[in-house]
């Protein structure tokens, strides 16, 4: 837990420290770096489940966090506030917010090793990593 906090702190402070040393004037920045390029360069670096180490207890209940035309997706406990996405610019978002804004996908959740369930219209549950 302490390692994750330290990593997040470093990732948050490092861009700000380097930006102070070499920040171009506002007119130069607007002329040289289009806003779309800056936004497109930010990528998902890591998904962290802060409940995994056992320091944060969650209630044992299925928590719905997303729904589409085929499935309703659930975390295995009330943990959506503790699953976070870390981005290349040092920003951190809750996974549910990153998913809603298109900055993360369910495939990212699977790649991060985070367990989730999908329930189909018939009420059947399928592990997220077994979805096709």
Foldseek 3Di string as FASTA:
>chain_A
DVVVVVVLVCLQVVLVVVCVVDPDDPVVCVVPDPPVNVVVPKAWDAKDQPPVVPPDDFAQDWAFQDDDPFWTKTARTPGQVRIWTAINSSDIDRVSVCCVVVRDHLVRCVVNVGWMWIAGPVGDIDISVPDD
